[in-house]
Each structure stands twice: as structure tokens, then as C-alpha cells.
mmCIF file of all heavy atoms, coordinates in Angstrom:
data_MODEL
# 
_entry.id   MODEL 
# 
loop_
_atom_site.group_PDB 
_atom_site.id 
_atom_site.type_symbol 
_atom_site.label_atom_id 
_atom_site.label_alt_id 
_atom_site.label_comp_id 
_atom_site.label_asym_id 
_atom_site.label_entity_id 
_atom_site.label_seq_id 
_atom_site.pdbx_PDB_ins_code 
_atom_site.Cartn_x 
_atom_site.Cartn_y 
_atom_site.Cartn_z 
_atom_site.occupancy 
_atom_site.B_iso_or_equiv 
_atom_site.pdbx_formal_charge 
_atom_site.auth_seq_id 
_atom_site.auth_comp_id 
_atom_site.auth_asym_id 
_atom_site.auth_atom_id 
_atom_site.pdbx_PDB_model_num 
ATOM 1   N N   . TYR A 1 1  ? -40.420 17.359 27.405 1.00 0.00 ? 1  TYR A N   1 
ATOM 2   C CA  . TYR A 1 1  ? -39.148 17.862 26.809 1.00 0.00 ? 1  TYR A CA  1 
ATOM 3   C C   . TYR A 1 1  ? -38.085 17.258 27.605 1.00 0.00 ? 1  TYR A C   1 
ATOM 4   O O   . TYR A 1 1  ? -38.181 17.065 28.730 1.00 0.00 ? 1  TYR A O   1 
ATOM 5   C CB  . TYR A 1 1  ? -39.074 19.349 26.757 1.00 0.00 ? 1  TYR A CB  1 
ATOM 6   C CG  . TYR A 1 1  ? -40.186 19.880 25.863 1.00 0.00 ? 1  TYR A CG  1 
ATOM 7   C CD1 . TYR A 1 1  ? -41.310 20.492 26.458 1.00 0.00 ? 1  TYR A CD1 1 
ATOM 8   C CD2 . TYR A 1 1  ? -40.004 20.130 24.476 1.00 0.00 ? 1  TYR A CD2 1 
ATOM 9   C CE1 . TYR A 1 1  ? -42.286 21.006 25.675 1.00 0.00 ? 1  TYR A CE1 1 
ATOM 10  C CE2 . TYR A 1 1  ? -40.932 20.685 23.714 1.00 0.00 ? 1  TYR A CE2 1 
ATOM 11  C CZ  . TYR A 1 1  ? -42.190 21.132 24.380 1.00 0.00 ? 1  TYR A CZ  1 
ATOM 12  O OH  . TYR A 1 1  ? -43.145 21.749 23.595 1.00 0.00 ? 1  TYR A OH  1 
ATOM 13  N N   . GLN A 1 2  ? -36.785 17.125 26.992 1.00 0.00 ? 2  GLN A N   1 
ATOM 14  C CA  . GLN A 1 2  ? -35.566 16.779 27.687 1.00 0.00 ? 2  GLN A CA  1 
ATOM 15  C C   . GLN A 1 2  ? -34.535 17.740 27.302 1.00 0.00 ? 2  GLN A C   1 
ATOM 16  O O   . GLN A 1 2  ? -34.478 18.227 26.101 1.00 0.00 ? 2  GLN A O   1 
ATOM 17  C CB  . GLN A 1 2  ? -35.158 15.342 27.382 1.00 0.00 ? 2  GLN A CB  1 
ATOM 18  C CG  . GLN A 1 2  ? -36.141 14.346 27.941 1.00 0.00 ? 2  GLN A CG  1 
ATOM 19  C CD  . GLN A 1 2  ? -35.906 12.936 27.605 1.00 0.00 ? 2  GLN A CD  1 
ATOM 20  O OE1 . GLN A 1 2  ? -35.270 12.716 26.565 1.00 0.00 ? 2  GLN A OE1 1 
ATOM 21  N NE2 . GLN A 1 2  ? -36.302 11.987 28.396 1.00 0.00 ? 2  GLN A NE2 1 
ATOM 22  N N   . TYR A 1 3  ? -33.566 18.071 28.235 1.00 0.00 ? 3  TYR A N   1 
ATOM 23  C CA  . TYR A 1 3  ? -32.533 18.942 28.022 1.00 0.00 ? 3  TYR A CA  1 
ATOM 24  C C   . TYR A 1 3  ? -31.205 18.148 27.854 1.00 0.00 ? 3  TYR A C   1 
ATOM 25  O O   . TYR A 1 3  ? -30.846 17.536 28.869 1.00 0.00 ? 3  TYR A O   1 
ATOM 26  C CB  . TYR A 1 3  ? -32.313 19.868 29.192 1.00 0.00 ? 3  TYR A CB  1 
ATOM 27  C CG  . TYR A 1 3  ? -31.415 21.146 28.860 1.00 0.00 ? 3  TYR A CG  1 
ATOM 28  C CD1 . TYR A 1 3  ? -31.837 22.162 28.070 1.00 0.00 ? 3  TYR A CD1 1 
ATOM 29  C CD2 . TYR A 1 3  ? -30.203 21.071 29.357 1.00 0.00 ? 3  TYR A CD2 1 
ATOM 30  C CE1 . TYR A 1 3  ? -30.973 23.234 27.826 1.00 0.00 ? 3  TYR A CE1 1 
ATOM 31  C CE2 . TYR A 1 3  ? -29.259 22.120 29.107 1.00 0.00 ? 3  TYR A CE2 1 
ATOM 32  C CZ  . TYR A 1 3  ? -29.691 23.225 28.327 1.00 0.00 ? 3  TYR A CZ  1 
ATOM 33  O OH  . TYR A 1 3  ? -28.828 24.210 28.021 1.00 0.00 ? 3  TYR A OH  1 
ATOM 34  N N   . VAL A 1 4  ? -30.652 18.185 26.750 1.00 0.00 ? 4  VAL A N   1 
ATOM 35  C CA  . VAL A 1 4  ? -29.427 17.339 26.467 1.00 0.00 ? 4  VAL A CA  1 
ATOM 36  C C   . VAL A 1 4  ? -28.228 18.177 26.685 1.00 0.00 ? 4  VAL A C   1 
ATOM 37  O O   . VAL A 1 4  ? -28.033 19.232 26.015 1.00 0.00 ? 4  VAL A O   1 
ATOM 38  C CB  . VAL A 1 4  ? -29.473 16.824 25.073 1.00 0.00 ? 4  VAL A CB  1 
ATOM 39  C CG1 . VAL A 1 4  ? -28.131 16.058 24.741 1.00 0.00 ? 4  VAL A CG1 1 
ATOM 40  C CG2 . VAL A 1 4  ? -30.694 16.028 24.733 1.00 0.00 ? 4  VAL A CG2 1 
ATOM 41  N N   . ILE A 1 5  ? -27.400 17.822 27.631 1.00 0.00 ? 5  ILE A N   1 
ATOM 42  C CA  . ILE A 1 5  ? -26.221 18.628 27.974 1.00 0.00 ? 5  ILE A CA  1 
ATOM 43  C C   . ILE A 1 5  ? -25.034 18.243 27.070 1.00 0.00 ? 5  ILE A C   1 
ATOM 44  O O   . ILE A 1 5  ? -24.733 17.088 26.738 1.00 0.00 ? 5  ILE A O   1 
ATOM 45  C CB  . ILE A 1 5  ? -25.739 18.267 29.470 1.00 0.00 ? 5  ILE A CB  1 
ATOM 46  C CG1 . ILE A 1 5  ? -26.866 18.693 30.449 1.00 0.00 ? 5  ILE A CG1 1 
ATOM 47  C CG2 . ILE A 1 5  ? -24.473 18.951 29.829 1.00 0.00 ? 5  ILE A CG2 1 
ATOM 48  C CD1 . ILE A 1 5  ? -26.534 18.138 31.877 1.00 0.00 ? 5  ILE A CD1 1 
ATOM 49  N N   . THR A 1 6  ? -24.484 19.411 26.485 1.00 0.00 ? 6  THR A N   1 
ATOM 50  C CA  . THR A 1 6  ? -23.469 19.149 25.504 1.00 0.00 ? 6  THR A CA  1 
ATOM 51  C C   . THR A 1 6  ? -22.083 19.684 26.053 1.00 0.00 ? 6  THR A C   1 
ATOM 52  O O   . THR A 1 6  ? -21.035 19.437 25.451 1.00 0.00 ? 6  THR A O   1 
ATOM 53  C CB  . THR A 1 6  ? -23.753 19.963 24.160 1.00 0.00 ? 6  THR A CB  1 
ATOM 54  O OG1 . THR A 1 6  ? -24.024 21.270 24.523 1.00 0.00 ? 6  THR A OG1 1 
ATOM 55  C CG2 . THR A 1 6  ? -24.975 19.221 23.575 1.00 0.00 ? 6  THR A CG2 1 
ATOM 56  N N   . ASN A 1 7  ? -22.077 20.494 27.073 1.00 0.00 ? 7  ASN A N   1 
ATOM 57  C CA  . ASN A 1 7  ? -20.802 21.059 27.628 1.00 0.00 ? 7  ASN A CA  1 
ATOM 58  C C   . ASN A 1 7  ? -20.970 21.253 29.098 1.00 0.00 ? 7  ASN A C   1 
ATOM 59  O O   . ASN A 1 7  ? -21.964 21.816 29.623 1.00 0.00 ? 7  ASN A O   1 
ATOM 60  C CB  . ASN A 1 7  ? -20.584 22.406 26.827 1.00 0.00 ? 7  ASN A CB  1 
ATOM 61  C CG  . ASN A 1 7  ? -19.127 22.961 27.198 1.00 0.00 ? 7  ASN A CG  1 
ATOM 62  O OD1 . ASN A 1 7  ? -18.555 22.517 28.186 1.00 0.00 ? 7  ASN A OD1 1 
ATOM 63  N ND2 . ASN A 1 7  ? -18.709 23.870 26.465 1.00 0.00 ? 7  ASN A ND2 1 
ATOM 64  N N   . ARG A 1 8  ? -19.963 20.812 29.793 1.00 0.00 ? 8  ARG A N   1 
ATOM 65  C CA  . ARG A 1 8  ? -19.961 21.034 31.305 1.00 0.00 ? 8  ARG A CA  1 
ATOM 66  C C   . ARG A 1 8  ? -18.844 21.785 31.792 1.00 0.00 ? 8  ARG A C   1 
ATOM 67  O O   . ARG A 1 8  ? -18.463 21.764 33.001 1.00 0.00 ? 8  ARG A O   1 
ATOM 68  C CB  . ARG A 1 8  ? -19.933 19.630 31.917 1.00 0.00 ? 8  ARG A CB  1 
ATOM 69  C CG  . ARG A 1 8  ? -21.293 18.836 31.958 1.00 0.00 ? 8  ARG A CG  1 
ATOM 70  C CD  . ARG A 1 8  ? -21.001 17.479 32.647 1.00 0.00 ? 8  ARG A CD  1 
ATOM 71  N NE  . ARG A 1 8  ? -22.253 16.801 32.777 1.00 0.00 ? 8  ARG A NE  1 
ATOM 72  C CZ  . ARG A 1 8  ? -23.096 16.896 33.839 1.00 0.00 ? 8  ARG A CZ  1 
ATOM 73  N NH1 . ARG A 1 8  ? -22.767 17.726 34.776 1.00 0.00 ? 8  ARG A NH1 1 
ATOM 74  N NH2 . ARG A 1 8  ? -24.128 16.272 33.911 1.00 0.00 ? 8  ARG A NH2 1 
ATOM 75  N N   . ASN A 1 9  ? -18.198 22.676 31.011 1.00 0.00 ? 9  ASN A N   1 
ATOM 76  C CA  . ASN A 1 9  ? -17.041 23.349 31.336 1.00 0.00 ? 9  ASN A CA  1 
ATOM 77  C C   . ASN A 1 9  ? -17.219 24.334 32.559 1.00 0.00 ? 9  ASN A C   1 
ATOM 78  O O   . ASN A 1 9  ? -17.107 23.980 33.706 1.00 0.00 ? 9  ASN A O   1 
ATOM 79  C CB  . ASN A 1 9  ? -16.339 24.078 30.221 1.00 0.00 ? 9  ASN A CB  1 
ATOM 80  C CG  . ASN A 1 9  ? -15.768 23.153 29.230 1.00 0.00 ? 9  ASN A CG  1 
ATOM 81  O OD1 . ASN A 1 9  ? -15.442 22.021 29.647 1.00 0.00 ? 9  ASN A OD1 1 
ATOM 82  N ND2 . ASN A 1 9  ? -15.562 23.533 27.964 1.00 0.00 ? 9  ASN A ND2 1 
ATOM 83  N N   . HIS A 1 10 ? -17.709 25.533 32.269 1.00 0.00 ? 10 HIS A N   1 
ATOM 84  C CA  . HIS A 1 10 ? -17.915 26.559 33.311 1.00 0.00 ? 10 HIS A CA  1 
ATOM 85  C C   . HIS A 1 10 ? -19.376 26.562 33.668 1.00 0.00 ? 10 HIS A C   1 
ATOM 86  O O   . HIS A 1 10 ? -19.747 27.016 34.795 1.00 0.00 ? 10 HIS A O   1 
ATOM 87  C CB  . HIS A 1 10 ? -17.438 27.854 32.884 1.00 0.00 ? 10 HIS A CB  1 
ATOM 88  C CG  . HIS A 1 10 ? -16.007 27.992 32.638 1.00 0.00 ? 10 HIS A CG  1 
ATOM 89  N ND1 . HIS A 1 10 ? -15.049 27.812 33.553 1.00 0.00 ? 10 HIS A ND1 1 
ATOM 90  C CD2 . HIS A 1 10 ? -15.297 27.998 31.391 1.00 0.00 ? 10 HIS A CD2 1 
ATOM 91  C CE1 . HIS A 1 10 ? -13.745 27.848 33.056 1.00 0.00 ? 10 HIS A CE1 1 
ATOM 92  N NE2 . HIS A 1 10 ? -13.982 27.976 31.697 1.00 0.00 ? 10 HIS A NE2 1 
ATOM 93  N N   . SER A 1 11 ? -20.245 26.284 32.809 1.00 0.00 ? 11 SER A N   1 
ATOM 94  C CA  . SER A 1 11 ? -21.669 26.243 33.071 1.00 0.00 ? 11 SER A CA  1 
ATOM 95  C C   . SER A 1 11 ? -22.253 25.069 32.211 1.00 0.00 ? 11 SER A C   1 
ATOM 96  O O   . SER A 1 11 ? -21.726 24.705 31.232 1.00 0.00 ? 11 SER A O   1 
ATOM 97  C CB  . SER A 1 11 ? -22.315 27.542 32.724 1.00 0.00 ? 11 SER A CB  1 
ATOM 98  O OG  . SER A 1 11 ? -22.113 27.862 31.406 1.00 0.00 ? 11 SER A OG  1 
ATOM 99  N N   . LEU A 1 12 ? -23.404 24.665 32.518 1.00 0.00 ? 12 LEU A N   1 
ATOM 100 C CA  . LEU A 1 12 ? -24.110 23.586 31.880 1.00 0.00 ? 12 LEU A CA  1 
ATOM 101 C C   . LEU A 1 12 ? -24.598 24.182 30.524 1.00 0.00 ? 12 LEU A C   1 
ATOM 102 O O   . LEU A 1 12 ? -25.298 25.172 30.493 1.00 0.00 ? 12 LEU A O   1 
ATOM 103 C CB  . LEU A 1 12 ? -25.246 23.001 32.573 1.00 0.00 ? 12 LEU A CB  1 
ATOM 104 C CG  . LEU A 1 12 ? -24.767 22.116 33.810 1.00 0.00 ? 12 LEU A CG  1 
ATOM 105 C CD1 . LEU A 1 12 ? -26.024 21.648 34.506 1.00 0.00 ? 12 LEU A CD1 1 
ATOM 106 C CD2 . LEU A 1 12 ? -23.993 20.935 33.365 1.00 0.00 ? 12 LEU A CD2 1 
ATOM 107 N N   . GLU A 1 13 ? -24.207 23.662 29.422 1.00 0.00 ? 13 GLU A N   1 
ATOM 108 C CA  . GLU A 1 13 ? -24.695 24.101 28.052 1.00 0.00 ? 13 GLU A CA  1 
ATOM 109 C C   . GLU A 1 13 ? -25.410 22.882 27.397 1.00 0.00 ? 13 GLU A C   1 
ATOM 110 O O   . GLU A 1 13 ? -24.984 21.810 27.539 1.00 0.00 ? 13 GLU A O   1 
ATOM 111 C CB  . GLU A 1 13 ? -23.594 24.624 27.275 1.00 0.00 ? 13 GLU A CB  1 
ATOM 112 C CG  . GLU A 1 13 ? -22.857 25.838 27.805 1.00 0.00 ? 13 GLU A CG  1 
ATOM 113 C CD  . GLU A 1 13 ? -21.709 26.354 26.904 1.00 0.00 ? 13 GLU A CD  1 
ATOM 114 O OE1 . GLU A 1 13 ? -21.536 25.699 25.824 1.00 0.00 ? 13 GLU A OE1 1 
ATOM 115 O OE2 . GLU A 1 13 ? -20.976 27.254 27.378 1.00 0.00 ? 13 GLU A OE2 1 
ATOM 116 N N   . GLY A 1 14 ? -26.355 23.195 26.601 1.00 0.00 ? 14 GLY A N   1 
ATOM 117 C CA  . GLY A 1 14 ? -27.093 22.062 25.935 1.00 0.00 ? 14 GLY A CA  1 
ATOM 118 C C   . GLY A 1 14 ? -28.251 22.656 25.155 1.00 0.00 ? 14 GLY A C   1 
ATOM 119 O O   . GLY A 1 14 ? -28.366 23.870 24.797 1.00 0.00 ? 14 GLY A O   1 
ATOM 120 N N   . HIS A 1 15 ? -29.169 21.793 24.809 1.00 0.00 ? 15 HIS A N   1 
ATOM 121 C CA  . HIS A 1 15 ? -30.307 22.216 24.081 1.00 0.00 ? 15 HIS A CA  1 
ATOM 122 C C   . HIS A 1 15 ? -31.594 21.298 24.391 1.00 0.00 ? 15 HIS A C   1 
ATOM 123 O O   . HIS A 1 15 ? -31.420 20.211 24.764 1.00 0.00 ? 15 HIS A O   1 
ATOM 124 C CB  . HIS A 1 15 ? -30.032 22.140 22.573 1.00 0.00 ? 15 HIS A CB  1 
ATOM 125 C CG  . HIS A 1 15 ? -29.690 20.749 22.112 1.00 0.00 ? 15 HIS A CG  1 
ATOM 126 N ND1 . HIS A 1 15 ? -28.427 20.269 22.147 1.00 0.00 ? 15 HIS A ND1 1 
ATOM 127 C CD2 . HIS A 1 15 ? -30.476 19.717 21.637 1.00 0.00 ? 15 HIS A CD2 1 
ATOM 128 C CE1 . HIS A 1 15 ? -28.402 19.024 21.684 1.00 0.00 ? 15 HIS A CE1 1 
ATOM 129 N NE2 . HIS A 1 15 ? -29.589 18.600 21.370 1.00 0.00 ? 15 HIS A NE2 1 
ATOM 130 N N   . TRP A 1 16 ? -32.809 21.935 24.210 1.00 0.00 ? 16 TRP A N   1 
ATOM 131 C CA  . TRP A 1 16 ? -33.978 21.197 24.395 1.00 0.00 ? 16 TRP A CA  1 
ATOM 132 C C   . TRP A 1 16 ? -34.268 20.351 23.192 1.00 0.00 ? 16 TRP A C   1 
ATOM 133 O O   . TRP A 1 16 ? -34.044 20.700 22.055 1.00 0.00 ? 16 TRP A O   1 
ATOM 134 C CB  . TRP A 1 16 ? -35.169 22.183 24.596 1.00 0.00 ? 16 TRP A CB  1 
ATOM 135 C CG  . TRP A 1 16 ? -35.220 22.912 25.875 1.00 0.00 ? 16 TRP A CG  1 
ATOM 136 C CD1 . TRP A 1 16 ? -34.958 24.169 26.183 1.00 0.00 ? 16 TRP A CD1 1 
ATOM 137 C CD2 . TRP A 1 16 ? -35.534 22.349 27.265 1.00 0.00 ? 16 TRP A CD2 1 
ATOM 138 N NE1 . TRP A 1 16 ? -35.171 24.501 27.509 1.00 0.00 ? 16 TRP A NE1 1 
ATOM 139 C CE2 . TRP A 1 16 ? -35.463 23.389 28.124 1.00 0.00 ? 16 TRP A CE2 1 
ATOM 140 C CE3 . TRP A 1 16 ? -35.831 21.057 27.598 1.00 0.00 ? 16 TRP A CE3 1 
ATOM 141 C CZ2 . TRP A 1 16 ? -35.683 23.171 29.489 1.00 0.00 ? 16 TRP A CZ2 1 
ATOM 142 C CZ3 . TRP A 1 16 ? -36.010 20.857 29.000 1.00 0.00 ? 16 TRP A CZ3 1 
ATOM 143 C CH2 . TRP A 1 16 ? -36.041 21.881 29.901 1.00 0.00 ? 16 TRP A CH2 1 
ATOM 144 N N   . GLU A 1 17 ? -34.891 19.188 23.524 1.00 0.00 ? 17 GLU A N   1 
ATOM 145 C CA  . GLU A 1 17 ? -35.457 18.302 22.464 1.00 0.00 ? 17 GLU A CA  1 
ATOM 146 C C   . GLU A 1 17 ? -36.786 17.836 22.911 1.00 0.00 ? 17 GLU A C   1 
ATOM 147 O O   . GLU A 1 17 ? -37.163 17.739 24.086 1.00 0.00 ? 17 GLU A O   1 
ATOM 148 C CB  . GLU A 1 17 ? -34.588 17.054 22.251 1.00 0.00 ? 17 GLU A CB  1 
ATOM 149 C CG  . GLU A 1 17 ? -33.276 17.326 21.617 1.00 0.00 ? 17 GLU A CG  1 
ATOM 150 C CD  . GLU A 1 17 ? -32.399 16.096 21.397 1.00 0.00 ? 17 GLU A CD  1 
ATOM 151 O OE1 . GLU A 1 17 ? -32.999 15.070 21.727 1.00 0.00 ? 17 GLU A OE1 1 
ATOM 152 O OE2 . GLU A 1 17 ? -31.325 16.145 20.851 1.00 0.00 ? 17 GLU A OE2 1 
ATOM 153 N N   . VAL A 1 18 ? -37.645 17.565 21.888 1.00 0.00 ? 18 VAL A N   1 
ATOM 154 C CA  . VAL A 1 18 ? -38.941 16.889 22.160 1.00 0.00 ? 18 VAL A CA  1 
ATOM 155 C C   . VAL A 1 18 ? -38.650 15.487 22.493 1.00 0.00 ? 18 VAL A C   1 
ATOM 156 O O   . VAL A 1 18 ? -37.768 14.826 21.860 1.00 0.00 ? 18 VAL A O   1 
ATOM 157 C CB  . VAL A 1 18 ? -39.859 16.982 20.951 1.00 0.00 ? 18 VAL A CB  1 
ATOM 158 C CG1 . VAL A 1 18 ? -41.087 16.236 21.209 1.00 0.00 ? 18 VAL A CG1 1 
ATOM 159 C CG2 . VAL A 1 18 ? -40.229 18.430 20.551 1.00 0.00 ? 18 VAL A CG2 1 
ATOM 160 N N   . ALA A 1 19 ? -39.210 14.962 23.655 1.00 0.00 ? 19 ALA A N   1 
ATOM 161 C CA  . ALA A 1 19 ? -38.801 13.721 24.147 1.00 0.00 ? 19 ALA A CA  1 
ATOM 162 C C   . ALA A 1 19 ? -39.240 12.610 23.215 1.00 0.00 ? 19 ALA A C   1 
ATOM 163 O O   . ALA A 1 19 ? -38.585 11.436 23.246 1.00 0.00 ? 19 ALA A O   1 
ATOM 164 C CB  . ALA A 1 19 ? -39.465 13.447 25.476 1.00 0.00 ? 19 ALA A CB  1 
ATOM 165 N N   . TYR A 1 20 ? -40.175 12.765 22.355 1.00 0.00 ? 20 TYR A N   1 
ATOM 166 C CA  . TYR A 1 20 ? -40.686 11.718 21.514 1.00 0.00 ? 20 TYR A CA  1 
ATOM 167 C C   . TYR A 1 20 ? -40.432 12.009 20.030 1.00 0.00 ? 20 TYR A C   1 
ATOM 168 O O   . TYR A 1 20 ? -40.910 12.936 19.475 1.00 0.00 ? 20 TYR A O   1 
ATOM 169 C CB  . TYR A 1 20 ? -42.061 11.459 21.660 1.00 0.00 ? 20 TYR A CB  1 
ATOM 170 C CG  . TYR A 1 20 ? -42.414 11.139 23.152 1.00 0.00 ? 20 TYR A CG  1 
ATOM 171 C CD1 . TYR A 1 20 ? -42.866 12.133 24.033 1.00 0.00 ? 20 TYR A CD1 1 
ATOM 172 C CD2 . TYR A 1 20 ? -42.176 9.923  23.721 1.00 0.00 ? 20 TYR A CD2 1 
ATOM 173 C CE1 . TYR A 1 20 ? -43.093 12.009 25.279 1.00 0.00 ? 20 TYR A CE1 1 
ATOM 174 C CE2 . TYR A 1 20 ? -42.389 9.699  25.113 1.00 0.00 ? 20 TYR A CE2 1 
ATOM 175 C CZ  . TYR A 1 20 ? -42.815 10.700 25.878 1.00 0.00 ? 20 TYR A CZ  1 
ATOM 176 O OH  . TYR A 1 20 ? -43.006 10.585 27.272 1.00 0.00 ? 20 TYR A OH  1 
ATOM 177 N N   . LYS A 1 21 ? -39.424 11.277 19.409 1.00 0.00 ? 21 LYS A N   1 
ATOM 178 C CA  . LYS A 1 21 ? -39.063 11.449 18.062 1.00 0.00 ? 21 LYS A CA  1 
ATOM 179 C C   . LYS A 1 21 ? -40.237 11.433 17.167 1.00 0.00 ? 21 LYS A C   1 
ATOM 180 O O   . LYS A 1 21 ? -41.113 10.552 17.371 1.00 0.00 ? 21 LYS A O   1 
ATOM 181 C CB  . LYS A 1 21 ? -37.905 10.615 17.601 1.00 0.00 ? 21 LYS A CB  1 
ATOM 182 C CG  . LYS A 1 21 ? -36.774 10.617 18.531 1.00 0.00 ? 21 LYS A CG  1 
ATOM 183 C CD  . LYS A 1 21 ? -36.164 11.956 18.801 1.00 0.00 ? 21 LYS A CD  1 
ATOM 184 C CE  . LYS A 1 21 ? -34.975 11.956 19.685 1.00 0.00 ? 21 LYS A CE  1 
ATOM 185 N NZ  . LYS A 1 21 ? -34.485 13.204 20.081 1.00 0.00 ? 21 LYS A NZ  1 
ATOM 186 N N   . GLY A 1 22 ? -40.251 12.114 16.074 1.00 0.00 ? 22 GLY A N   1 
ATOM 187 C CA  . GLY A 1 22 ? -41.340 12.099 15.136 1.00 0.00 ? 22 GLY A CA  1 
ATOM 188 C C   . GLY A 1 22 ? -42.449 12.948 15.466 1.00 0.00 ? 22 GLY A C   1 
ATOM 189 O O   . GLY A 1 22 ? -43.550 13.006 14.690 1.00 0.00 ? 22 GLY A O   1 
ATOM 190 N N   . SER A 1 23 ? -42.392 13.661 16.616 1.00 0.00 ? 23 SER A N   1 
ATOM 191 C CA  . SER A 1 23 ? -43.500 14.528 17.118 1.00 0.00 ? 23 SER A CA  1 
ATOM 192 C C   . SER A 1 23 ? -43.493 15.806 16.111 1.00 0.00 ? 23 SER A C   1 
ATOM 193 O O   . SER A 1 23 ? -42.438 16.220 15.668 1.00 0.00 ? 23 SER A O   1 
ATOM 194 C CB  . SER A 1 23 ? -43.243 14.955 18.490 1.00 0.00 ? 23 SER A CB  1 
ATOM 195 O OG  . SER A 1 23 ? -44.218 15.939 18.841 1.00 0.00 ? 23 SER A OG  1 
ATOM 196 N N   . SER A 1 24 ? -44.651 16.357 15.890 1.00 0.00 ? 24 SER A N   1 
ATOM 197 C CA  . SER A 1 24 ? -44.727 17.447 14.942 1.00 0.00 ? 24 SER A CA  1 
ATOM 198 C C   . SER A 1 24 ? -44.597 18.795 15.730 1.00 0.00 ? 24 SER A C   1 
ATOM 199 O O   . SER A 1 24 ? -44.795 19.851 15.145 1.00 0.00 ? 24 SER A O   1 
ATOM 200 C CB  . SER A 1 24 ? -46.179 17.365 14.297 1.00 0.00 ? 24 SER A CB  1 
ATOM 201 O OG  . SER A 1 24 ? -47.185 17.505 15.171 1.00 0.00 ? 24 SER A OG  1 
ATOM 202 N N   . GLU A 1 25 ? -44.374 18.795 17.050 1.00 0.00 ? 25 GLU A N   1 
ATOM 203 C CA  . GLU A 1 25 ? -44.298 20.016 17.814 1.00 0.00 ? 25 GLU A CA  1 
ATOM 204 C C   . GLU A 1 25 ? -43.219 20.949 17.220 1.00 0.00 ? 25 GLU A C   1 
ATOM 205 O O   . GLU A 1 25 ? -42.115 20.534 16.925 1.00 0.00 ? 25 GLU A O   1 
ATOM 206 C CB  . GLU A 1 25 ? -44.079 19.654 19.283 1.00 0.00 ? 25 GLU A CB  1 
ATOM 207 C CG  . GLU A 1 25 ? -45.348 19.419 20.057 1.00 0.00 ? 25 GLU A CG  1 
ATOM 208 C CD  . GLU A 1 25 ? -45.861 18.083 19.745 1.00 0.00 ? 25 GLU A CD  1 
ATOM 209 O OE1 . GLU A 1 25 ? -45.221 17.231 19.006 1.00 0.00 ? 25 GLU A OE1 1 
ATOM 210 O OE2 . GLU A 1 25 ? -47.069 17.756 20.147 1.00 0.00 ? 25 GLU A OE2 1 
ATOM 211 N N   . VAL A 1 26 ? -43.598 22.309 17.294 1.00 0.00 ? 26 VAL A N   1 
ATOM 212 C CA  . VAL A 1 26 ? -42.543 23.159 16.711 1.00 0.00 ? 26 VAL A CA  1 
ATOM 213 C C   . VAL A 1 26 ? -42.042 24.146 17.917 1.00 0.00 ? 26 VAL A C   1 
ATOM 214 O O   . VAL A 1 26 ? -41.117 24.835 17.724 1.00 0.00 ? 26 VAL A O   1 
ATOM 215 C CB  . VAL A 1 26 ? -43.182 24.011 15.634 1.00 0.00 ? 26 VAL A CB  1 
ATOM 216 C CG1 . VAL A 1 26 ? -43.400 23.163 14.424 1.00 0.00 ? 26 VAL A CG1 1 
ATOM 217 C CG2 . VAL A 1 26 ? -44.448 24.818 16.143 1.00 0.00 ? 26 VAL A CG2 1 
ATOM 218 N N   . PHE A 1 27 ? -42.716 24.126 19.074 1.00 0.00 ? 27 PHE A N   1 
ATOM 219 C CA  . PHE A 1 27 ? -42.395 24.988 20.153 1.00 0.00 ? 27 PHE A CA  1 
ATOM 220 C C   . PHE A 1 27 ? -41.384 24.279 20.978 1.00 0.00 ? 27 PHE A C   1 
ATOM 221 O O   . PHE A 1 27 ? -41.425 23.195 21.371 1.00 0.00 ? 27 PHE A O   1 
ATOM 222 C CB  . PHE A 1 27 ? -43.644 25.226 21.022 1.00 0.00 ? 27 PHE A CB  1 
ATOM 223 C CG  . PHE A 1 27 ? -43.367 26.082 22.284 1.00 0.00 ? 27 PHE A CG  1 
ATOM 224 C CD1 . PHE A 1 27 ? -43.518 27.425 22.169 1.00 0.00 ? 27 PHE A CD1 1 
ATOM 225 C CD2 . PHE A 1 27 ? -42.973 25.437 23.404 1.00 0.00 ? 27 PHE A CD2 1 
ATOM 226 C CE1 . PHE A 1 27 ? -43.213 28.175 23.410 1.00 0.00 ? 27 PHE A CE1 1 
ATOM 227 C CE2 . PHE A 1 27 ? -42.753 26.188 24.558 1.00 0.00 ? 27 PHE A CE2 1 
ATOM 228 C CZ  . PHE A 1 27 ? -42.835 27.531 24.682 1.00 0.00 ? 27 PHE A CZ  1 
ATOM 229 N N   . LEU A 1 28 ? -40.281 24.975 21.235 1.00 0.00 ? 28 LEU A N   1 
ATOM 230 C CA  . LEU A 1 28 ? -39.260 24.554 22.161 1.00 0.00 ? 28 LEU A CA  1 
ATOM 231 C C   . LEU A 1 28 ? -39.054 25.552 23.341 1.00 0.00 ? 28 LEU A C   1 
ATOM 232 O O   . LEU A 1 28 ? -39.077 26.747 23.061 1.00 0.00 ? 28 LEU A O   1 
ATOM 233 C CB  . LEU A 1 28 ? -37.878 24.224 21.528 1.00 0.00 ? 28 LEU A CB  1 
ATOM 234 C CG  . LEU A 1 28 ? -37.885 23.029 20.530 1.00 0.00 ? 28 LEU A CG  1 
ATOM 235 C CD1 . LEU A 1 28 ? -36.556 22.941 19.845 1.00 0.00 ? 28 LEU A CD1 1 
ATOM 236 C CD2 . LEU A 1 28 ? -38.097 21.744 21.355 1.00 0.00 ? 28 LEU A CD2 1 
# 
């Protein structure tokens, strides 16, 4: 998994993604 940072203001904000696109995994 990789954590994509979307906001660096007061704290790091972002979301998890499966590292390999097209994967069928549903757990994040």
C-alpha cells in the first residue's frame, strides 16, 4: 500500500491506495 498526501497544512492528510492498479483487494 501507499499513502498519498493531499494536504500538508497543519497535519499530513491523505489516503491509502493499493500500490498496484487493477488489484481486486478491498481492504484498506
